[in-house]
Amino acid sequence: MDFRPRVYFGGGAGTVLDGGRVGFVSGTKVAGFLYRWKGRRLVLIVLPAKKNPAWSRLPRKKWVALTGDGLTASIWRRGDFIYAVVGNAPVTKMRELSRAITPKGEKF
């Protein structure tokens, strides 16, 4: 893997880390993590910001939530990486999980 994403959350508070893998999205290598919360699957994708011009403009430590078709996407940038958690959970749960993944000293 040509990058090392930092994920500081292995589970807790009713959320379980089920696994992870490396894959490609539009030719860019990404890391994927699968979580379970109340029987729902939540997917965390981590990708390098530099290789994704559309996302590289996202301000560091800014958190954005998008909803549609029963899914919520929680997206933020930390350092050189873009993090996105997607699942059919409420925005409040997605923000809580996003904060758990981010180190304590870097809260948004």
PDB file of N, CA and C in Angstrom:
ATOM      1  N   MET A   1       0.850  -1.166   0.000  1.00  0.00           N
ATOM      2  CA  MET A   1       0.000   0.000   0.000  1.00  0.00           C
ATOM      3  C   MET A   1       0.892   1.224   0.000  1.00  0.00           C
ATOM      4  N   ASP A   2       0.599   2.191  -0.849  1.00  0.00           N
ATOM      5  CA  ASP A   2       1.458   3.366  -0.963  1.00  0.00           C
ATOM      6  C   ASP A   2       1.043   4.509  -0.039  1.00  0.00           C
ATOM      7  N   PHE A   3       0.125   4.262   0.886  1.00  0.00           N
ATOM      8  CA  PHE A   3      -0.219   5.248   1.906  1.00  0.00           C
ATOM      9  C   PHE A   3      -0.655   4.496   3.159  1.00  0.00           C
ATOM     10  N   ARG A   4      -0.588   5.189   4.290  1.00  0.00           N
ATOM     11  CA  ARG A   4      -0.947   4.564   5.562  1.00  0.00           C
ATOM     12  C   ARG A   4      -2.052   5.359   6.242  1.00  0.00           C
ATOM     13  N   PRO A   5      -3.297   4.969   6.033  1.00  0.00           N
ATOM     14  CA  PRO A   5      -4.383   5.688   6.700  1.00  0.00           C
ATOM     15  C   PRO A   5      -4.368   5.394   8.191  1.00  0.00           C
ATOM     16  N   ARG A   6      -4.705   6.384   8.968  1.00  0.00           N
ATOM     17  CA  ARG A   6      -4.751   6.211  10.418  1.00  0.00           C
ATOM     18  C   ARG A   6      -6.201   6.175  10.866  1.00  0.00           C
ATOM     19  N   VAL A   7      -6.596   5.064  11.404  1.00  0.00           N
ATOM     20  CA  VAL A   7      -7.948   4.893  11.921  1.00  0.00           C
ATOM     21  C   VAL A   7      -7.798   4.514  13.386  1.00  0.00           C
ATOM     22  N   TYR A   8      -8.336   5.347  14.260  1.00  0.00           N
ATOM     23  CA  TYR A   8      -8.131   5.197  15.699  1.00  0.00           C
ATOM     24  C   TYR A   8      -9.313   4.551  16.406  1.00  0.00           C
ATOM     25  N   PHE A   9     -10.166   3.855  15.672  1.00  0.00           N
ATOM     26  CA  PHE A   9     -11.363   3.292  16.287  1.00  0.00           C
ATOM     27  C   PHE A   9     -11.541   1.854  15.835  1.00  0.00           C
ATOM     28  N   GLY A  10     -11.398   0.936  16.770  1.00  0.00           N
ATOM     29  CA  GLY A  10     -11.565  -0.470  16.460  1.00  0.00           C
ATOM     30  C   GLY A  10     -12.910  -1.012  16.894  1.00  0.00           C
ATOM     31  N   GLY A  11     -13.770  -0.149  17.404  1.00  0.00           N
ATOM     32  CA  GLY A  11     -15.090  -0.553  17.867  1.00  0.00           C
ATOM     33  C   GLY A  11     -15.354  -0.015  19.258  1.00  0.00           C
ATOM     34  N   GLY A  12     -16.537  -0.266  19.733  1.00  0.00           N
ATOM     35  CA  GLY A  12     -16.939   0.205  21.052  1.00  0.00           C
ATOM     36  C   GLY A  12     -18.274   0.904  20.972  1.00  0.00           C
ATOM     37  N   ALA A  13     -18.899   1.135  22.112  1.00  0.00           N
ATOM     38  CA  ALA A  13     -20.185   1.831  22.197  1.00  0.00           C
ATOM     39  C   ALA A  13     -21.206   1.221  21.242  1.00  0.00           C
ATOM     40  N   GLY A  14     -21.225  -0.128  21.171  1.00  0.00           N
ATOM     41  CA  GLY A  14     -22.200  -0.800  20.318  1.00  0.00           C
ATOM     42  C   GLY A  14     -21.807  -0.890  18.860  1.00  0.00           C
ATOM     43  N   THR A  15     -20.630  -0.424  18.519  1.00  0.00           N
ATOM     44  CA  THR A  15     -20.146  -0.471  17.139  1.00  0.00           C
ATOM     45  C   THR A  15     -18.988  -1.459  17.068  1.00  0.00           C
ATOM     46  N   VAL A  16     -19.041  -2.369  16.091  1.00  0.00           N
ATOM     47  CA  VAL A  16     -18.039  -3.423  15.959  1.00  0.00           C
ATOM     48  C   VAL A  16     -17.322  -3.291  14.619  1.00  0.00           C
ATOM     49  N   LEU A  17     -16.004  -3.392  14.640  1.00  0.00           N
ATOM     50  CA  LEU A  17     -15.226  -3.417  13.405  1.00  0.00           C
ATOM     51  C   LEU A  17     -15.239  -4.850  12.886  1.00  0.00           C
ATOM     52  N   ASP A  18     -15.838  -5.067  11.700  1.00  0.00           N
ATOM     53  CA  ASP A  18     -15.953  -6.407  11.116  1.00  0.00           C
ATOM     54  C   ASP A  18     -14.780  -6.779  10.224  1.00  0.00           C
ATOM     55  N   GLY A  19     -14.092  -5.800   9.670  1.00  0.00           N
ATOM     56  CA  GLY A  19     -12.971  -6.129   8.790  1.00  0.00           C
ATOM     57  C   GLY A  19     -12.564  -4.958   7.931  1.00  0.00           C
ATOM     58  N   GLY A  20     -11.628  -5.211   7.060  1.00  0.00           N
ATOM     59  CA  GLY A  20     -11.138  -4.158   6.178  1.00  0.00           C
ATOM     60  C   GLY A  20     -10.478  -4.753   4.956  1.00  0.00           C
ATOM     61  N   ARG A  21     -10.253  -3.910   3.966  1.00  0.00           N
ATOM     62  CA  ARG A  21      -9.584  -4.350   2.752  1.00  0.00           C
ATOM     63  C   ARG A  21      -9.072  -3.154   1.978  1.00  0.00           C
ATOM     64  N   VAL A  22      -8.237  -3.438   1.015  1.00  0.00           N
ATOM     65  CA  VAL A  22      -7.712  -2.412   0.120  1.00  0.00           C
ATOM     66  C   VAL A  22      -8.356  -2.634  -1.238  1.00  0.00           C
ATOM     67  N   GLY A  23      -8.737  -1.545  -1.896  1.00  0.00           N
ATOM     68  CA  GLY A  23      -9.348  -1.643  -3.215  1.00  0.00           C
ATOM     69  C   GLY A  23      -9.033  -0.415  -4.036  1.00  0.00           C
ATOM     70  N   PHE A  24      -9.714  -0.282  -5.163  1.00  0.00           N
ATOM     71  CA  PHE A  24      -9.513   0.856  -6.052  1.00  0.00           C
ATOM     72  C   PHE A  24     -10.840   1.537  -6.331  1.00  0.00           C
ATOM     73  N   VAL A  25     -10.831   2.866  -6.346  1.00  0.00           N
ATOM     74  CA  VAL A  25     -11.974   3.677  -6.748  1.00  0.00           C
ATOM     75  C   VAL A  25     -11.458   4.642  -7.793  1.00  0.00           C
ATOM     76  N   SER A  26     -11.986   4.571  -8.992  1.00  0.00           N
ATOM     77  CA  SER A  26     -11.543   5.426 -10.103  1.00  0.00           C
ATOM     78  C   SER A  26     -10.024   5.397 -10.260  1.00  0.00           C
ATOM     79  N   GLY A  27      -9.434   4.232 -10.118  1.00  0.00           N
ATOM     80  CA  GLY A  27      -7.993   4.079 -10.306  1.00  0.00           C
ATOM     81  C   GLY A  27      -7.131   4.486  -9.127  1.00  0.00           C
ATOM     82  N   THR A  28      -7.748   4.927  -8.034  1.00  0.00           N
ATOM     83  CA  THR A  28      -7.002   5.334  -6.843  1.00  0.00           C
ATOM     84  C   THR A  28      -7.123   4.258  -5.772  1.00  0.00           C
ATOM     85  N   LYS A  29      -6.006   3.891  -5.173  1.00  0.00           N
ATOM     86  CA  LYS A  29      -6.018   2.898  -4.104  1.00  0.00           C
ATOM     87  C   LYS A  29      -6.667   3.505  -2.868  1.00  0.00           C
ATOM     88  N   VAL A  30      -7.604   2.769  -2.267  1.00  0.00           N
ATOM     89  CA  VAL A  30      -8.307   3.219  -1.072  1.00  0.00           C
ATOM     90  C   VAL A  30      -8.304   2.100  -0.033  1.00  0.00           C
ATOM     91  N   ALA A  31      -8.470   2.481   1.227  1.00  0.00           N
ATOM     92  CA  ALA A  31      -8.628   1.511   2.309  1.00  0.00           C
ATOM     93  C   ALA A  31     -10.092   1.525   2.730  1.00  0.00           C
ATOM     94  N   GLY A  32     -10.658   0.358   2.931  1.00  0.00           N
ATOM     95  CA  GLY A  32     -12.052   0.257   3.347  1.00  0.00           C
ATOM     96  C   GLY A  32     -12.174  -0.530   4.642  1.00  0.00           C
ATOM     97  N   PHE A  33     -13.049  -0.066   5.526  1.00  0.00           N
ATOM     98  CA  PHE A  33     -13.290  -0.727   6.807  1.00  0.00           C
ATOM     99  C   PHE A  33     -14.791  -0.935   6.949  1.00  0.00           C
ATOM    100  N   LEU A  34     -15.195  -2.098   7.433  1.00  0.00           N
ATOM    101  CA  LEU A  34     -16.610  -2.407   7.596  1.00  0.00           C
ATOM    102  C   LEU A  34     -16.933  -2.473   9.087  1.00  0.00           C
ATOM    103  N   TYR A  35     -17.902  -1.650   9.508  1.00  0.00           N
ATOM    104  CA  TYR A  35     -18.362  -1.627  10.893  1.00  0.00           C
ATOM    105  C   TYR A  35     -19.806  -2.125  10.946  1.00  0.00           C
ATOM    106  N   ARG A  36     -20.241  -2.579  12.113  1.00  0.00           N
ATOM    107  CA  ARG A  36     -21.619  -2.956  12.356  1.00  0.00           C
ATOM    108  C   ARG A  36     -22.124  -2.161  13.553  1.00  0.00           C
ATOM    109  N   TRP A  37     -23.322  -1.605  13.409  1.00  0.00           N
ATOM    110  CA  TRP A  37     -23.949  -0.856  14.499  1.00  0.00           C
ATOM    111  C   TRP A  37     -25.438  -1.165  14.490  1.00  0.00           C
ATOM    112  N   LYS A  38     -25.963  -1.752  15.555  1.00  0.00           N
ATOM    113  CA  LYS A  38     -27.383  -2.114  15.664  1.00  0.00           C
ATOM    114  C   LYS A  38     -27.864  -2.890  14.438  1.00  0.00           C
ATOM    115  N   GLY A  39     -27.067  -3.843  13.988  1.00  0.00           N
ATOM    116  CA  GLY A  39     -27.445  -4.664  12.841  1.00  0.00           C
ATOM    117  C   GLY A  39     -27.262  -3.990  11.495  1.00  0.00           C
ATOM    118  N   ARG A  40     -26.800  -2.765  11.485  1.00  0.00           N
ATOM    119  CA  ARG A  40     -26.594  -2.023  10.233  1.00  0.00           C
ATOM    120  C   ARG A  40     -25.116  -2.025   9.879  1.00  0.00           C
ATOM    121  N   ARG A  41     -24.838  -2.044   8.613  1.00  0.00           N
ATOM    122  CA  ARG A  41     -23.449  -1.991   8.153  1.00  0.00           C
ATOM    123  C   ARG A  41     -23.076  -0.552   7.818  1.00  0.00           C
ATOM    124  N   LEU A  42     -21.920  -0.151   8.311  1.00  0.00           N
ATOM    125  CA  LEU A  42     -21.375   1.173   8.033  1.00  0.00           C
ATOM    126  C   LEU A  42     -20.014   0.968   7.387  1.00  0.00           C
ATOM    127  N   VAL A  43     -19.750   1.656   6.307  1.00  0.00           N
ATOM    128  CA  VAL A  43     -18.500   1.493   5.572  1.00  0.00           C
ATOM    129  C   VAL A  43     -17.669   2.762   5.701  1.00  0.00           C
ATOM    130  N   LEU A  44     -16.408   2.599   6.081  1.00  0.00           N
ATOM    131  CA  LEU A  44     -15.461   3.712   6.135  1.00  0.00           C
ATOM    132  C   LEU A  44     -14.489   3.551   4.974  1.00  0.00           C
ATOM    133  N   ILE A  45     -14.367   4.579   4.158  1.00  0.00           N
ATOM    134  CA  ILE A  45     -13.410   4.607   3.052  1.00  0.00           C
ATOM    135  C   ILE A  45     -12.388   5.699   3.363  1.00  0.00           C
ATOM    136  N   VAL A  46     -11.102   5.390   3.202  1.00  0.00           N
ATOM    137  CA  VAL A  46     -10.027   6.360   3.415  1.00  0.00           C
ATOM    138  C   VAL A  46      -9.224   6.437   2.127  1.00  0.00           C
ATOM    139  N   LEU A  47      -9.051   7.662   1.610  1.00  0.00           N
ATOM    140  CA  LEU A  47      -8.306   7.841   0.369  1.00  0.00           C
ATOM    141  C   LEU A  47      -7.403   9.054   0.451  1.00  0.00           C
ATOM    142  N   PRO A  48      -6.294   9.040  -0.294  1.00  0.00           N
ATOM    143  CA  PRO A  48      -5.377  10.182  -0.274  1.00  0.00           C
ATOM    144  C   PRO A  48      -6.028  11.403  -0.919  1.00  0.00           C
ATOM    145  N   ALA A  49      -5.950  12.550  -0.254  1.00  0.00           N
ATOM    146  CA  ALA A  49      -6.552  13.780  -0.782  1.00  0.00           C
ATOM    147  C   ALA A  49      -5.826  14.273  -2.030  1.00  0.00           C
ATOM    148  N   LYS A  50      -4.523  14.121  -2.080  1.00  0.00           N
ATOM    149  CA  LYS A  50      -3.741  14.645  -3.201  1.00  0.00           C
ATOM    150  C   LYS A  50      -4.134  14.026  -4.531  1.00  0.00           C
ATOM    151  N   LYS A  51      -4.542  12.780  -4.515  1.00  0.00           N
ATOM    152  CA  LYS A  51      -4.893  12.094  -5.753  1.00  0.00           C
ATOM    153  C   LYS A  51      -6.351  12.295  -6.137  1.00  0.00           C
ATOM    154  N   ASN A  52      -7.068  13.104  -5.386  1.00  0.00           N
ATOM    155  CA  ASN A  52      -8.481  13.352  -5.632  1.00  0.00           C
ATOM    156  C   ASN A  52      -8.741  14.847  -5.620  1.00  0.00           C
ATOM    157  N   PRO A  53      -8.524  15.509  -6.766  1.00  0.00           N
ATOM    158  CA  PRO A  53      -8.611  16.968  -6.828  1.00  0.00           C
ATOM    159  C   PRO A  53      -9.930  17.539  -6.315  1.00  0.00           C
ATOM    160  N   ALA A  54     -11.037  16.856  -6.557  1.00  0.00           N
ATOM    161  CA  ALA A  54     -12.326  17.379  -6.106  1.00  0.00           C
ATOM    162  C   ALA A  54     -12.387  17.459  -4.587  1.00  0.00           C
ATOM    163  N   TRP A  55     -11.774  16.496  -3.912  1.00  0.00           N
ATOM    164  CA  TRP A  55     -11.813  16.464  -2.459  1.00  0.00           C
ATOM    165  C   TRP A  55     -10.654  17.196  -1.819  1.00  0.00           C
ATOM    166  N   SER A  56      -9.596  17.448  -2.541  1.00  0.00           N
ATOM    167  CA  SER A  56      -8.432  18.108  -1.936  1.00  0.00           C
ATOM    168  C   SER A  56      -8.764  19.529  -1.492  1.00  0.00           C
ATOM    169  N   ARG A  57      -9.846  20.101  -2.025  1.00  0.00           N
ATOM    170  CA  ARG A  57     -10.253  21.455  -1.623  1.00  0.00           C
ATOM    171  C   ARG A  57     -11.071  21.463  -0.329  1.00  0.00           C
ATOM    172  N   LEU A  58     -11.460  20.289   0.146  1.00  0.00           N
ATOM    173  CA  LEU A  58     -12.199  20.208   1.401  1.00  0.00           C
ATOM    174  C   LEU A  58     -11.278  20.680   2.524  1.00  0.00           C
ATOM    175  N   PRO A  59     -11.693  21.709   3.273  1.00  0.00           N
ATOM    176  CA  PRO A  59     -10.816  22.229   4.333  1.00  0.00           C
ATOM    177  C   PRO A  59     -10.481  21.147   5.355  1.00  0.00           C
ATOM    178  N   ARG A  60      -9.283  21.213   5.876  1.00  0.00           N
ATOM    179  CA  ARG A  60      -8.876  20.248   6.899  1.00  0.00           C
ATOM    180  C   ARG A  60      -9.769  20.396   8.131  1.00  0.00           C
ATOM    181  N   LYS A  61     -10.109  19.264   8.704  1.00  0.00           N
ATOM    182  CA  LYS A  61     -10.949  19.184   9.904  1.00  0.00           C
ATOM    183  C   LYS A  61     -12.388  19.627   9.680  1.00  0.00           C
ATOM    184  N   LYS A  62     -12.802  19.857   8.457  1.00  0.00           N
ATOM    185  CA  LYS A  62     -14.202  20.191   8.203  1.00  0.00           C
ATOM    186  C   LYS A  62     -14.979  18.894   8.033  1.00  0.00           C
ATOM    187  N   TRP A  63     -16.173  18.851   8.611  1.00  0.00           N
ATOM    188  CA  TRP A  63     -17.024  17.674   8.554  1.00  0.00           C
ATOM    189  C   TRP A  63     -18.271  18.017   7.771  1.00  0.00           C
ATOM    190  N   VAL A  64     -18.651  17.148   6.843  1.00  0.00           N
ATOM    191  CA  VAL A  64     -19.824  17.373   6.000  1.00  0.00           C
ATOM    192  C   VAL A  64     -20.695  16.126   6.062  1.00  0.00           C
ATOM    193  N   ALA A  65     -22.008  16.304   6.157  1.00  0.00           N
ATOM    194  CA  ALA A  65     -22.938  15.171   6.117  1.00  0.00           C
ATOM    195  C   ALA A  65     -23.867  15.343   4.924  1.00  0.00           C
ATOM    196  N   LEU A  66     -24.057  14.271   4.187  1.00  0.00           N
ATOM    197  CA  LEU A  66     -24.971  14.250   3.049  1.00  0.00           C
ATOM    198  C   LEU A  66     -25.960  13.116   3.276  1.00  0.00           C
ATOM    199  N   THR A  67     -27.229  13.336   2.945  1.00  0.00           N
ATOM    200  CA  THR A  67     -28.227  12.284   3.103  1.00  0.00           C
ATOM    201  C   THR A  67     -29.029  12.134   1.822  1.00  0.00           C
ATOM    202  N   GLY A  68     -29.489  10.919   1.570  1.00  0.00           N
ATOM    203  CA  GLY A  68     -30.327  10.649   0.412  1.00  0.00           C
ATOM    204  C   GLY A  68     -30.548   9.160   0.246  1.00  0.00           C
ATOM    205  N   ASP A  69     -31.729   8.801  -0.223  1.00  0.00           N
ATOM    206  CA  ASP A  69     -32.075   7.395  -0.471  1.00  0.00           C
ATOM    207  C   ASP A  69     -31.851   6.505   0.751  1.00  0.00           C
ATOM    208  N   GLY A  70     -32.104   7.034   1.935  1.00  0.00           N
ATOM    209  CA  GLY A  70     -31.979   6.243   3.151  1.00  0.00           C
ATOM    210  C   GLY A  70     -30.558   6.075   3.664  1.00  0.00           C
ATOM    211  N   LEU A  71     -29.594   6.712   3.011  1.00  0.00           N
ATOM    212  CA  LEU A  71     -28.197   6.609   3.433  1.00  0.00           C
ATOM    213  C   LEU A  71     -27.683   7.958   3.916  1.00  0.00           C
ATOM    214  N   THR A  72     -26.726   7.909   4.809  1.00  0.00           N
ATOM    215  CA  THR A  72     -26.034   9.109   5.263  1.00  0.00           C
ATOM    216  C   THR A  72     -24.553   8.932   4.979  1.00  0.00           C
ATOM    217  N   ALA A  73     -23.937   9.970   4.444  1.00  0.00           N
ATOM    218  CA  ALA A  73     -22.489   9.973   4.216  1.00  0.00           C
ATOM    219  C   ALA A  73     -21.890  11.054   5.094  1.00  0.00           C
ATOM    220  N   SER A  74     -20.912  10.684   5.870  1.00  0.00           N
ATOM    221  CA  SER A  74     -20.186  11.599   6.738  1.00  0.00           C
ATOM    222  C   SER A  74     -18.782  11.711   6.154  1.00  0.00           C
ATOM    223  N   ILE A  75     -18.394  12.906   5.734  1.00  0.00           N
ATOM    224  CA  ILE A  75     -17.124  13.087   5.020  1.00  0.00           C
ATOM    225  C   ILE A  75     -16.311  14.173   5.708  1.00  0.00           C
ATOM    226  N   TRP A  76     -15.017  13.922   5.874  1.00  0.00           N
ATOM    227  CA  TRP A  76     -14.139  14.929   6.450  1.00  0.00           C
ATOM    228  C   TRP A  76     -12.721  14.694   5.968  1.00  0.00           C
ATOM    229  N   ARG A  77     -11.904  15.735   6.128  1.00  0.00           N
ATOM    230  CA  ARG A  77     -10.495  15.632   5.768  1.00  0.00           C
ATOM    231  C   ARG A  77      -9.655  15.768   7.023  1.00  0.00           C
ATOM    232  N   ARG A  78      -8.651  14.914   7.136  1.00  0.00           N
ATOM    233  CA  ARG A  78      -7.689  15.008   8.226  1.00  0.00           C
ATOM    234  C   ARG A  78      -6.314  14.801   7.621  1.00  0.00           C
ATOM    235  N   GLY A  79      -5.487  15.824   7.680  1.00  0.00           N
ATOM    236  CA  GLY A  79      -4.153  15.722   7.098  1.00  0.00           C
ATOM    237  C   GLY A  79      -4.216  15.486   5.606  1.00  0.00           C
ATOM    238  N   ASP A  80      -3.537  14.471   5.139  1.00  0.00           N
ATOM    239  CA  ASP A  80      -3.472  14.176   3.713  1.00  0.00           C
ATOM    240  C   ASP A  80      -4.537  13.196   3.255  1.00  0.00           C
ATOM    241  N   PHE A  81      -5.538  12.924   4.096  1.00  0.00           N
ATOM    242  CA  PHE A  81      -6.535  11.917   3.755  1.00  0.00           C
ATOM    243  C   PHE A  81      -7.959  12.450   3.829  1.00  0.00           C
ATOM    244  N   ILE A  82      -8.812  11.857   3.002  1.00  0.00           N
ATOM    245  CA  ILE A  82     -10.246  12.093   3.045  1.00  0.00           C
ATOM    246  C   ILE A  82     -10.863  10.843   3.663  1.00  0.00           C
ATOM    247  N   TYR A  83     -11.746  11.031   4.627  1.00  0.00           N
ATOM    248  CA  TYR A  83     -12.446   9.940   5.294  1.00  0.00           C
ATOM    249  C   TYR A  83     -13.928  10.067   4.970  1.00  0.00           C
ATOM    250  N   ALA A  84     -14.579   8.950   4.667  1.00  0.00           N
ATOM    251  CA  ALA A  84     -16.018   8.957   4.393  1.00  0.00           C
ATOM    252  C   ALA A  84     -16.641   7.722   5.028  1.00  0.00           C
ATOM    253  N   VAL A  85     -17.634   7.938   5.888  1.00  0.00           N
ATOM    254  CA  VAL A  85     -18.404   6.845   6.479  1.00  0.00           C
ATOM    255  C   VAL A  85     -19.784   6.901   5.848  1.00  0.00           C
ATOM    256  N   VAL A  86     -20.243   5.768   5.322  1.00  0.00           N
ATOM    257  CA  VAL A  86     -21.539   5.710   4.646  1.00  0.00           C
ATOM    258  C   VAL A  86     -22.351   4.568   5.240  1.00  0.00           C
ATOM    259  N   GLY A  87     -23.640   4.824   5.477  1.00  0.00           N
ATOM    260  CA  GLY A  87     -24.522   3.779   5.983  1.00  0.00           C
ATOM    261  C   GLY A  87     -25.919   4.308   6.220  1.00  0.00           C
ATOM    262  N   ASN A  88     -26.815   3.419   6.627  1.00  0.00           N
ATOM    263  CA  ASN A  88     -28.195   3.832   6.884  1.00  0.00           C
ATOM    264  C   ASN A  88     -28.396   4.100   8.375  1.00  0.00           C
ATOM    265  N   ALA A  89     -27.599   4.993   8.895  1.00  0.00           N
ATOM    266  CA  ALA A  89     -27.673   5.406  10.295  1.00  0.00           C
ATOM    267  C   ALA A  89     -27.987   6.903  10.340  1.00  0.00           C
ATOM    268  N   PRO A  90     -28.531   7.378  11.447  1.00  0.00           N
ATOM    269  CA  PRO A  90     -28.828   8.803  11.567  1.00  0.00           C
ATOM    270  C   PRO A  90     -27.554   9.655  11.537  1.00  0.00           C
ATOM    271  N   VAL A  91     -27.717  10.911  11.146  1.00  0.00           N
ATOM    272  CA  VAL A  91     -26.588  11.839  11.061  1.00  0.00           C
ATOM    273  C   VAL A  91     -25.850  11.908  12.396  1.00  0.00           C
ATOM    274  N   THR A  92     -26.575  11.898  13.507  1.00  0.00           N
ATOM    275  CA  THR A  92     -25.927  11.988  14.821  1.00  0.00           C
ATOM    276  C   THR A  92     -24.996  10.799  15.071  1.00  0.00           C
ATOM    277  N   LYS A  93     -25.390   9.593  14.662  1.00  0.00           N
ATOM    278  CA  LYS A  93     -24.537   8.412  14.831  1.00  0.00           C
ATOM    279  C   LYS A  93     -23.318   8.511  13.924  1.00  0.00           C
ATOM    280  N   MET A  94     -23.508   9.005  12.705  1.00  0.00           N
ATOM    281  CA  MET A  94     -22.393   9.125  11.770  1.00  0.00           C
ATOM    282  C   MET A  94     -21.366  10.128  12.293  1.00  0.00           C
ATOM    283  N   ARG A  95     -21.849  11.224  12.865  1.00  0.00           N
ATOM    284  CA  ARG A  95     -20.912  12.206  13.428  1.00  0.00           C
ATOM    285  C   ARG A  95     -20.174  11.606  14.633  1.00  0.00           C
ATOM    286  N   GLU A  96     -20.897  10.869  15.456  1.00  0.00           N
ATOM    287  CA  GLU A  96     -20.283  10.210  16.618  1.00  0.00           C
ATOM    288  C   GLU A  96     -19.188   9.236  16.168  1.00  0.00           C
ATOM    289  N   LEU A  97     -19.467   8.430  15.147  1.00  0.00           N
ATOM    290  CA  LEU A  97     -18.472   7.485  14.638  1.00  0.00           C
ATOM    291  C   LEU A  97     -17.300   8.232  14.009  1.00  0.00           C
ATOM    292  N   SER A  98     -17.590   9.301  13.281  1.00  0.00           N
ATOM    293  CA  SER A  98     -16.529  10.114  12.671  1.00  0.00           C
ATOM    294  C   SER A  98     -15.596  10.669  13.741  1.00  0.00           C
ATOM    295  N   ARG A  99     -16.169  11.146  14.823  1.00  0.00           N
ATOM    296  CA  ARG A  99     -15.352  11.683  15.921  1.00  0.00           C
ATOM    297  C   ARG A  99     -14.535  10.584  16.591  1.00  0.00           C
ATOM    298  N   ALA A 100     -15.099   9.380  16.710  1.00  0.00           N
ATOM    299  CA  ALA A 100     -14.376   8.269  17.329  1.00  0.00           C
ATOM    300  C   ALA A 100     -13.182   7.845  16.475  1.00  0.00           C
ATOM    301  N   ILE A 101     -13.295   7.969  15.174  1.00  0.00           N
ATOM    302  CA  ILE A 101     -12.226   7.582  14.250  1.00  0.00           C
ATOM    303  C   ILE A 101     -11.090   8.598  14.278  1.00  0.00           C
ATOM    304  N   THR A 102     -11.409   9.846  14.610  1.00  0.00           N
ATOM    305  CA  THR A 102     -10.432  10.933  14.616  1.00  0.00           C
ATOM    306  C   THR A 102      -9.745  11.006  15.983  1.00  0.00           C
ATOM    307  N   PRO A 103      -8.423  11.178  16.033  1.00  0.00           N
ATOM    308  CA  PRO A 103      -7.725  11.267  17.319  1.00  0.00           C
ATOM    309  C   PRO A 103      -8.282  12.391  18.195  1.00  0.00           C
ATOM    310  N   LYS A 104      -8.237  12.209  19.496  1.00  0.00           N
ATOM    311  CA  LYS A 104      -8.815  13.173  20.440  1.00  0.00           C
ATOM    312  C   LYS A 104      -8.303  14.589  20.258  1.00  0.00           C
ATOM    313  N   GLY A 105      -7.047  14.765  19.941  1.00  0.00           N
ATOM    314  CA  GLY A 105      -6.478  16.101  19.787  1.00  0.00           C
ATOM    315  C   GLY A 105      -6.841  16.790  18.483  1.00  0.00           C
ATOM    316  N   GLU A 106      -7.556  16.102  17.606  1.00  0.00           N
ATOM    317  CA  GLU A 106      -7.864  16.660  16.287  1.00  0.00           C
ATOM    318  C   GLU A 106      -9.357  16.731  16.016  1.00  0.00           C
ATOM    319  N   LYS A 107     -10.162  16.927  17.025  1.00  0.00           N
ATOM    320  CA  LYS A 107     -11.612  16.943  16.828  1.00  0.00           C
ATOM    321  C   LYS A 107     -12.039  18.103  15.953  1.00  0.00           C
ATOM    322  N   PHE A 108     -13.068  17.872  15.170  1.00  0.00           N
ATOM    323  CA  PHE A 108     -13.630  18.927  14.318  1.00  0.00           C
ATOM    324  C   PHE A 108     -14.913  19.429  14.905  1.00  0.00           C
TER     325      PHE A 108
END
